[in-house]
């Protein structure tokens, strides 16, 4: 299993950590940001395939920002698959 700590850019969360077991995502944790929403995202995505997570979250924006915590997770997965 590969562990990743990803420093986010342009979001309230400052870091995302997760584990990759092949092409499956586990143990997603956001540091900072909206705790209720981000813990829900982590629970919903536990055990999902990397491609599904990227397809689902990539391009999601937060208000007027060009990115979001969810989009940053997709970016992190793209960089570390």
PDB file of N, CA and C in Angstrom:
ATOM      1  N   UNK A   1       0.850  -1.178   0.000  1.00  0.00           N
ATOM      2  CA  UNK A   1       0.000   0.000   0.000  1.00  0.00           C
ATOM      3  C   UNK A   1       0.894   1.239   0.000  1.00  0.00           C
ATOM      4  N   UNK A   2       0.518   2.226  -0.791  1.00  0.00           N
ATOM      5  CA  UNK A   2       1.268   3.472  -0.913  1.00  0.00           C
ATOM      6  C   UNK A   2       0.544   4.576  -0.146  1.00  0.00           C
ATOM      7  N   UNK A   3       1.256   5.300   0.713  1.00  0.00           N
ATOM      8  CA  UNK A   3       0.675   6.428   1.442  1.00  0.00           C
ATOM      9  C   UNK A   3       1.065   7.727   0.748  1.00  0.00           C
ATOM     10  N   UNK A   4       0.099   8.658   0.641  1.00  0.00           N
ATOM     11  CA  UNK A   4       0.340   9.945  -0.008  1.00  0.00           C
ATOM     12  C   UNK A   4      -0.096  11.070   0.922  1.00  0.00           C
ATOM     13  N   UNK A   5       0.756  12.071   1.066  1.00  0.00           N
ATOM     14  CA  UNK A   5       0.413  13.337   1.700  1.00  0.00           C
ATOM     15  C   UNK A   5       0.524  14.393   0.608  1.00  0.00           C
ATOM     16  N   UNK A   6      -0.588  15.040   0.295  1.00  0.00           N
ATOM     17  CA  UNK A   6      -0.647  15.998  -0.812  1.00  0.00           C
ATOM     18  C   UNK A   6      -0.952  17.389  -0.266  1.00  0.00           C
ATOM     19  N   UNK A   7      -0.110  18.351  -0.585  1.00  0.00           N
ATOM     20  CA  UNK A   7      -0.340  19.737  -0.189  1.00  0.00           C
ATOM     21  C   UNK A   7      -1.271  20.374  -1.215  1.00  0.00           C
ATOM     22  N   UNK A   8      -2.403  20.869  -0.737  1.00  0.00           N
ATOM     23  CA  UNK A   8      -3.408  21.441  -1.635  1.00  0.00           C
ATOM     24  C   UNK A   8      -3.031  22.857  -2.060  1.00  0.00           C
ATOM     25  N   UNK A   9      -3.732  23.340  -3.071  1.00  0.00           N
ATOM     26  CA  UNK A   9      -3.499  24.664  -3.606  1.00  0.00           C
ATOM     27  C   UNK A   9      -4.843  25.346  -3.850  1.00  0.00           C
ATOM     28  N   UNK A  10      -5.063  26.511  -3.224  1.00  0.00           N
ATOM     29  CA  UNK A  10      -6.269  27.294  -3.484  1.00  0.00           C
ATOM     30  C   UNK A  10      -7.512  26.855  -2.739  1.00  0.00           C
ATOM     31  N   UNK A  11      -7.337  26.102  -1.659  1.00  0.00           N
ATOM     32  CA  UNK A  11      -8.499  25.627  -0.887  1.00  0.00           C
ATOM     33  C   UNK A  11      -8.301  25.908   0.601  1.00  0.00           C
ATOM     34  N   UNK A  12      -9.377  25.783   1.349  1.00  0.00           N
ATOM     35  CA  UNK A  12      -9.301  25.945   2.800  1.00  0.00           C
ATOM     36  C   UNK A  12      -8.532  24.794   3.450  1.00  0.00           C
ATOM     37  N   UNK A  13      -8.690  23.594   2.917  1.00  0.00           N
ATOM     38  CA  UNK A  13      -7.870  22.498   3.436  1.00  0.00           C
ATOM     39  C   UNK A  13      -6.439  22.709   2.955  1.00  0.00           C
ATOM     40  N   UNK A  14      -5.491  22.357   3.790  1.00  0.00           N
ATOM     41  CA  UNK A  14      -4.077  22.585   3.456  1.00  0.00           C
ATOM     42  C   UNK A  14      -3.373  21.312   3.016  1.00  0.00           C
ATOM     43  N   UNK A  15      -3.973  20.163   3.350  1.00  0.00           N
ATOM     44  CA  UNK A  15      -3.344  18.884   3.019  1.00  0.00           C
ATOM     45  C   UNK A  15      -4.411  17.811   2.931  1.00  0.00           C
ATOM     46  N   UNK A  16      -4.149  16.833   2.068  1.00  0.00           N
ATOM     47  CA  UNK A  16      -4.982  15.636   1.972  1.00  0.00           C
ATOM     48  C   UNK A  16      -4.046  14.441   2.091  1.00  0.00           C
ATOM     49  N   UNK A  17      -4.407  13.483   2.920  1.00  0.00           N
ATOM     50  CA  UNK A  17      -3.635  12.239   2.969  1.00  0.00           C
ATOM     51  C   UNK A  17      -4.565  11.090   2.595  1.00  0.00           C
ATOM     52  N   UNK A  18      -3.985  10.090   1.972  1.00  0.00           N
ATOM     53  CA  UNK A  18      -4.751   8.904   1.586  1.00  0.00           C
ATOM     54  C   UNK A  18      -3.788   7.771   1.285  1.00  0.00           C
ATOM     55  N   UNK A  19      -4.334   6.575   1.211  1.00  0.00           N
ATOM     56  CA  UNK A  19      -3.574   5.387   0.853  1.00  0.00           C
ATOM     57  C   UNK A  19      -4.104   4.840  -0.461  1.00  0.00           C
ATOM     58  N   UNK A  20      -3.198   4.319  -1.274  1.00  0.00           N
ATOM     59  CA  UNK A  20      -3.564   3.654  -2.517  1.00  0.00           C
ATOM     60  C   UNK A  20      -3.164   2.195  -2.418  1.00  0.00           C
ATOM     61  N   UNK A  21      -4.135   1.328  -2.598  1.00  0.00           N
ATOM     62  CA  UNK A  21      -3.889  -0.108  -2.660  1.00  0.00           C
ATOM     63  C   UNK A  21      -4.171  -0.513  -4.101  1.00  0.00           C
ATOM     64  N   UNK A  22      -3.131  -0.481  -4.919  1.00  0.00           N
ATOM     65  CA  UNK A  22      -3.332  -0.670  -6.357  1.00  0.00           C
ATOM     66  C   UNK A  22      -4.095   0.523  -6.897  1.00  0.00           C
ATOM     67  N   UNK A  23      -5.305   0.281  -7.415  1.00  0.00           N
ATOM     68  CA  UNK A  23      -6.128   1.375  -7.943  1.00  0.00           C
ATOM     69  C   UNK A  23      -7.328   1.683  -7.055  1.00  0.00           C
ATOM     70  N   UNK A  24      -7.207   1.363  -5.770  1.00  0.00           N
ATOM     71  CA  UNK A  24      -8.277   1.589  -4.807  1.00  0.00           C
ATOM     72  C   UNK A  24      -7.821   2.584  -3.743  1.00  0.00           C
ATOM     73  N   UNK A  25      -8.706   3.523  -3.398  1.00  0.00           N
ATOM     74  CA  UNK A  25      -8.392   4.590  -2.449  1.00  0.00           C
ATOM     75  C   UNK A  25      -8.901   4.233  -1.056  1.00  0.00           C
ATOM     76  N   UNK A  26      -8.065   4.473  -0.050  1.00  0.00           N
ATOM     77  CA  UNK A  26      -8.424   4.210   1.348  1.00  0.00           C
ATOM     78  C   UNK A  26      -7.941   5.350   2.243  1.00  0.00           C
ATOM     79  N   UNK A  27      -8.570   5.469   3.396  1.00  0.00           N
ATOM     80  CA  UNK A  27      -8.108   6.334   4.492  1.00  0.00           C
ATOM     81  C   UNK A  27      -7.925   7.797   4.084  1.00  0.00           C
ATOM     82  N   UNK A  28      -8.879   8.344   3.349  1.00  0.00           N
ATOM     83  CA  UNK A  28      -8.799   9.736   2.913  1.00  0.00           C
ATOM     84  C   UNK A  28      -9.025  10.642   4.112  1.00  0.00           C
ATOM     85  N   UNK A  29      -8.124  11.612   4.280  1.00  0.00           N
ATOM     86  CA  UNK A  29      -8.262  12.574   5.367  1.00  0.00           C
ATOM     87  C   UNK A  29      -7.871  13.960   4.872  1.00  0.00           C
ATOM     88  N   UNK A  30      -8.763  14.924   5.090  1.00  0.00           N
ATOM     89  CA  UNK A  30      -8.507  16.315   4.753  1.00  0.00           C
ATOM     90  C   UNK A  30      -8.085  17.052   6.016  1.00  0.00           C
ATOM     91  N   UNK A  31      -7.133  17.950   5.902  1.00  0.00           N
ATOM     92  CA  UNK A  31      -6.664  18.756   7.020  1.00  0.00           C
ATOM     93  C   UNK A  31      -7.076  20.198   6.752  1.00  0.00           C
ATOM     94  N   UNK A  32      -7.997  20.705   7.566  1.00  0.00           N
ATOM     95  CA  UNK A  32      -8.586  22.017   7.340  1.00  0.00           C
ATOM     96  C   UNK A  32      -9.826  21.865   6.466  1.00  0.00           C
ATOM     97  N   UNK A  33     -10.426  22.985   6.135  1.00  0.00           N
ATOM     98  CA  UNK A  33     -11.621  22.944   5.293  1.00  0.00           C
ATOM     99  C   UNK A  33     -12.883  22.723   6.108  1.00  0.00           C
ATOM    100  N   UNK A  34     -13.949  22.360   5.435  1.00  0.00           N
ATOM    101  CA  UNK A  34     -15.274  22.153   6.043  1.00  0.00           C
ATOM    102  C   UNK A  34     -15.366  20.726   6.579  1.00  0.00           C
ATOM    103  N   UNK A  35     -15.246  20.531   7.884  1.00  0.00           N
ATOM    104  CA  UNK A  35     -15.119  19.180   8.421  1.00  0.00           C
ATOM    105  C   UNK A  35     -16.293  18.253   8.114  1.00  0.00           C
ATOM    106  N   UNK A  36     -17.512  18.748   8.177  1.00  0.00           N
ATOM    107  CA  UNK A  36     -18.661  17.880   7.909  1.00  0.00           C
ATOM    108  C   UNK A  36     -18.679  17.382   6.478  1.00  0.00           C
ATOM    109  N   UNK A  37     -18.527  18.295   5.542  1.00  0.00           N
ATOM    110  CA  UNK A  37     -18.543  17.922   4.127  1.00  0.00           C
ATOM    111  C   UNK A  37     -17.370  17.020   3.762  1.00  0.00           C
ATOM    112  N   UNK A  38     -16.192  17.354   4.259  1.00  0.00           N
ATOM    113  CA  UNK A  38     -15.009  16.592   3.878  1.00  0.00           C
ATOM    114  C   UNK A  38     -14.969  15.213   4.517  1.00  0.00           C
ATOM    115  N   UNK A  39     -15.491  15.079   5.718  1.00  0.00           N
ATOM    116  CA  UNK A  39     -15.542  13.733   6.302  1.00  0.00           C
ATOM    117  C   UNK A  39     -16.573  12.883   5.572  1.00  0.00           C
ATOM    118  N   UNK A  40     -17.657  13.508   5.092  1.00  0.00           N
ATOM    119  CA  UNK A  40     -18.652  12.775   4.303  1.00  0.00           C
ATOM    120  C   UNK A  40     -18.041  12.306   2.982  1.00  0.00           C
ATOM    121  N   UNK A  41     -17.295  13.192   2.310  1.00  0.00           N
ATOM    122  CA  UNK A  41     -16.625  12.810   1.061  1.00  0.00           C
ATOM    123  C   UNK A  41     -15.690  11.635   1.314  1.00  0.00           C
ATOM    124  N   UNK A  42     -14.928  11.706   2.397  1.00  0.00           N
ATOM    125  CA  UNK A  42     -13.997  10.622   2.725  1.00  0.00           C
ATOM    126  C   UNK A  42     -14.715   9.298   2.913  1.00  0.00           C
ATOM    127  N   UNK A  43     -15.838   9.317   3.613  1.00  0.00           N
ATOM    128  CA  UNK A  43     -16.606   8.089   3.839  1.00  0.00           C
ATOM    129  C   UNK A  43     -17.194   7.549   2.543  1.00  0.00           C
ATOM    130  N   UNK A  44     -17.732   8.432   1.708  1.00  0.00           N
ATOM    131  CA  UNK A  44     -18.344   8.003   0.454  1.00  0.00           C
ATOM    132  C   UNK A  44     -17.336   7.417  -0.530  1.00  0.00           C
ATOM    133  N   UNK A  45     -16.104   7.888  -0.467  1.00  0.00           N
ATOM    134  CA  UNK A  45     -15.094   7.447  -1.427  1.00  0.00           C
ATOM    135  C   UNK A  45     -14.222   6.302  -0.932  1.00  0.00           C
ATOM    136  N   UNK A  46     -14.359   5.920   0.321  1.00  0.00           N
ATOM    137  CA  UNK A  46     -13.569   4.821   0.879  1.00  0.00           C
ATOM    138  C   UNK A  46     -13.775   3.558   0.034  1.00  0.00           C
ATOM    139  N   UNK A  47     -12.677   2.987  -0.449  1.00  0.00           N
ATOM    140  CA  UNK A  47     -12.739   1.743  -1.208  1.00  0.00           C
ATOM    141  C   UNK A  47     -13.085   1.909  -2.677  1.00  0.00           C
ATOM    142  N   UNK A  48     -13.215   3.132  -3.152  1.00  0.00           N
ATOM    143  CA  UNK A  48     -13.552   3.371  -4.564  1.00  0.00           C
ATOM    144  C   UNK A  48     -12.300   3.312  -5.435  1.00  0.00           C
ATOM    145  N   UNK A  49     -12.511   3.096  -6.706  1.00  0.00           N
ATOM    146  CA  UNK A  49     -11.423   3.050  -7.678  1.00  0.00           C
ATOM    147  C   UNK A  49     -10.958   4.465  -8.016  1.00  0.00           C
ATOM    148  N   UNK A  50      -9.658   4.616  -8.242  1.00  0.00           N
ATOM    149  CA  UNK A  50      -9.056   5.911  -8.540  1.00  0.00           C
ATOM    150  C   UNK A  50      -9.747   6.584  -9.718  1.00  0.00           C
ATOM    151  N   UNK A  51      -9.960   5.867 -10.808  1.00  0.00           N
ATOM    152  CA  UNK A  51     -10.579   6.459 -11.995  1.00  0.00           C
ATOM    153  C   UNK A  51     -11.980   6.998 -11.706  1.00  0.00           C
ATOM    154  N   UNK A  52     -12.745   6.272 -10.894  1.00  0.00           N
ATOM    155  CA  UNK A  52     -14.090   6.730 -10.521  1.00  0.00           C
ATOM    156  C   UNK A  52     -14.009   8.034  -9.730  1.00  0.00           C
ATOM    157  N   UNK A  53     -13.096   8.109  -8.773  1.00  0.00           N
ATOM    158  CA  UNK A  53     -12.964   9.306  -7.935  1.00  0.00           C
ATOM    159  C   UNK A  53     -12.553  10.503  -8.789  1.00  0.00           C
ATOM    160  N   UNK A  54     -11.580  10.306  -9.667  1.00  0.00           N
ATOM    161  CA  UNK A  54     -11.138  11.397 -10.532  1.00  0.00           C
ATOM    162  C   UNK A  54     -12.274  11.863 -11.431  1.00  0.00           C
ATOM    163  N   UNK A  55     -12.951  10.931 -12.068  1.00  0.00           N
ATOM    164  CA  UNK A  55     -14.061  11.271 -12.972  1.00  0.00           C
ATOM    165  C   UNK A  55     -15.174  12.018 -12.241  1.00  0.00           C
ATOM    166  N   UNK A  56     -15.440  11.623 -11.022  1.00  0.00           N
ATOM    167  CA  UNK A  56     -16.527  12.213 -10.245  1.00  0.00           C
ATOM    168  C   UNK A  56     -16.181  13.599  -9.715  1.00  0.00           C
ATOM    169  N   UNK A  57     -14.942  13.820  -9.290  1.00  0.00           N
ATOM    170  CA  UNK A  57     -14.586  15.049  -8.582  1.00  0.00           C
ATOM    171  C   UNK A  57     -13.844  16.090  -9.412  1.00  0.00           C
ATOM    172  N   UNK A  58     -13.183  15.676 -10.480  1.00  0.00           N
ATOM    173  CA  UNK A  58     -12.346  16.591 -11.266  1.00  0.00           C
ATOM    174  C   UNK A  58     -13.180  17.751 -11.815  1.00  0.00           C
ATOM    175  N   UNK A  59     -12.683  18.971 -11.582  1.00  0.00           N
ATOM    176  CA  UNK A  59     -13.354  20.166 -12.090  1.00  0.00           C
ATOM    177  C   UNK A  59     -14.398  20.757 -11.163  1.00  0.00           C
ATOM    178  N   UNK A  60     -14.663  20.098 -10.038  1.00  0.00           N
ATOM    179  CA  UNK A  60     -15.617  20.632  -9.069  1.00  0.00           C
ATOM    180  C   UNK A  60     -15.039  21.906  -8.457  1.00  0.00           C
ATOM    181  N   UNK A  61     -15.833  22.960  -8.409  1.00  0.00           N
ATOM    182  CA  UNK A  61     -15.358  24.252  -7.901  1.00  0.00           C
ATOM    183  C   UNK A  61     -16.061  24.616  -6.601  1.00  0.00           C
ATOM    184  N   UNK A  62     -15.416  25.458  -5.811  1.00  0.00           N
ATOM    185  CA  UNK A  62     -15.976  25.946  -4.552  1.00  0.00           C
ATOM    186  C   UNK A  62     -16.234  27.444  -4.714  1.00  0.00           C
ATOM    187  N   UNK A  63     -17.488  27.810  -4.856  1.00  0.00           N
ATOM    188  CA  UNK A  63     -17.839  29.218  -5.048  1.00  0.00           C
ATOM    189  C   UNK A  63     -17.171  29.773  -6.290  1.00  0.00           C
ATOM    190  N   UNK A  64     -16.502  30.903  -6.146  1.00  0.00           N
ATOM    191  CA  UNK A  64     -15.809  31.539  -7.263  1.00  0.00           C
ATOM    192  C   UNK A  64     -14.386  31.032  -7.464  1.00  0.00           C
ATOM    193  N   UNK A  65     -13.949  30.129  -6.618  1.00  0.00           N
ATOM    194  CA  UNK A  65     -12.583  29.595  -6.736  1.00  0.00           C
ATOM    195  C   UNK A  65     -12.496  28.656  -7.947  1.00  0.00           C
ATOM    196  N   UNK A  66     -11.326  28.574  -8.541  1.00  0.00           N
ATOM    197  CA  UNK A  66     -11.165  27.682  -9.693  1.00  0.00           C
ATOM    198  C   UNK A  66     -11.011  26.206  -9.324  1.00  0.00           C
ATOM    199  N   UNK A  67     -10.992  25.901  -8.032  1.00  0.00           N
ATOM    200  CA  UNK A  67     -10.811  24.535  -7.559  1.00  0.00           C
ATOM    201  C   UNK A  67     -11.648  24.334  -6.299  1.00  0.00           C
ATOM    202  N   UNK A  68     -11.542  23.164  -5.713  1.00  0.00           N
ATOM    203  CA  UNK A  68     -12.217  22.837  -4.452  1.00  0.00           C
ATOM    204  C   UNK A  68     -11.411  21.747  -3.767  1.00  0.00           C
ATOM    205  N   UNK A  69     -11.773  21.435  -2.549  1.00  0.00           N
ATOM    206  CA  UNK A  69     -11.098  20.334  -1.854  1.00  0.00           C
ATOM    207  C   UNK A  69     -11.288  19.020  -2.618  1.00  0.00           C
ATOM    208  N   UNK A  70     -12.484  18.807  -3.144  1.00  0.00           N
ATOM    209  CA  UNK A  70     -12.757  17.599  -3.922  1.00  0.00           C
ATOM    210  C   UNK A  70     -11.914  17.567  -5.190  1.00  0.00           C
ATOM    211  N   UNK A  71     -11.830  18.694  -5.892  1.00  0.00           N
ATOM    212  CA  UNK A  71     -11.012  18.787  -7.097  1.00  0.00           C
ATOM    213  C   UNK A  71      -9.544  18.543  -6.765  1.00  0.00           C
ATOM    214  N   UNK A  72      -9.086  19.055  -5.635  1.00  0.00           N
ATOM    215  CA  UNK A  72      -7.700  18.841  -5.225  1.00  0.00           C
ATOM    216  C   UNK A  72      -7.427  17.362  -4.948  1.00  0.00           C
ATOM    217  N   UNK A  73      -8.408  16.638  -4.416  1.00  0.00           N
ATOM    218  CA  UNK A  73      -8.247  15.199  -4.231  1.00  0.00           C
ATOM    219  C   UNK A  73      -8.086  14.529  -5.591  1.00  0.00           C
ATOM    220  N   UNK A  74      -8.879  14.923  -6.574  1.00  0.00           N
ATOM    221  CA  UNK A  74      -8.740  14.368  -7.920  1.00  0.00           C
ATOM    222  C   UNK A  74      -7.352  14.670  -8.482  1.00  0.00           C
ATOM    223  N   UNK A  75      -6.867  15.877  -8.274  1.00  0.00           N
ATOM    224  CA  UNK A  75      -5.520  16.244  -8.739  1.00  0.00           C
ATOM    225  C   UNK A  75      -4.456  15.375  -8.066  1.00  0.00           C
ATOM    226  N   UNK A  76      -4.605  15.190  -6.759  1.00  0.00           N
ATOM    227  CA  UNK A  76      -3.652  14.367  -6.007  1.00  0.00           C
ATOM    228  C   UNK A  76      -3.633  12.927  -6.542  1.00  0.00           C
ATOM    229  N   UNK A  77      -4.803  12.401  -6.833  1.00  0.00           N
ATOM    230  CA  UNK A  77      -4.876  11.032  -7.351  1.00  0.00           C
ATOM    231  C   UNK A  77      -4.266  10.935  -8.746  1.00  0.00           C
ATOM    232  N   UNK A  78      -4.503  11.940  -9.577  1.00  0.00           N
ATOM    233  CA  UNK A  78      -3.902  11.942 -10.911  1.00  0.00           C
ATOM    234  C   UNK A  78      -2.375  11.927 -10.831  1.00  0.00           C
ATOM    235  N   UNK A  79      -1.830  12.681  -9.906  1.00  0.00           N
ATOM    236  CA  UNK A  79      -0.376  12.769  -9.761  1.00  0.00           C
ATOM    237  C   UNK A  79       0.248  11.507  -9.164  1.00  0.00           C
ATOM    238  N   UNK A  80      -0.539  10.743  -8.448  1.00  0.00           N
ATOM    239  CA  UNK A  80       0.028   9.621  -7.672  1.00  0.00           C
ATOM    240  C   UNK A  80      -0.486   8.241  -8.073  1.00  0.00           C
ATOM    241  N   UNK A  81      -1.203   8.125  -9.160  1.00  0.00           N
ATOM    242  CA  UNK A  81      -1.698   6.795  -9.544  1.00  0.00           C
ATOM    243  C   UNK A  81      -0.618   5.904 -10.044  1.00  0.00           C
TER     244      UNK A  81
END
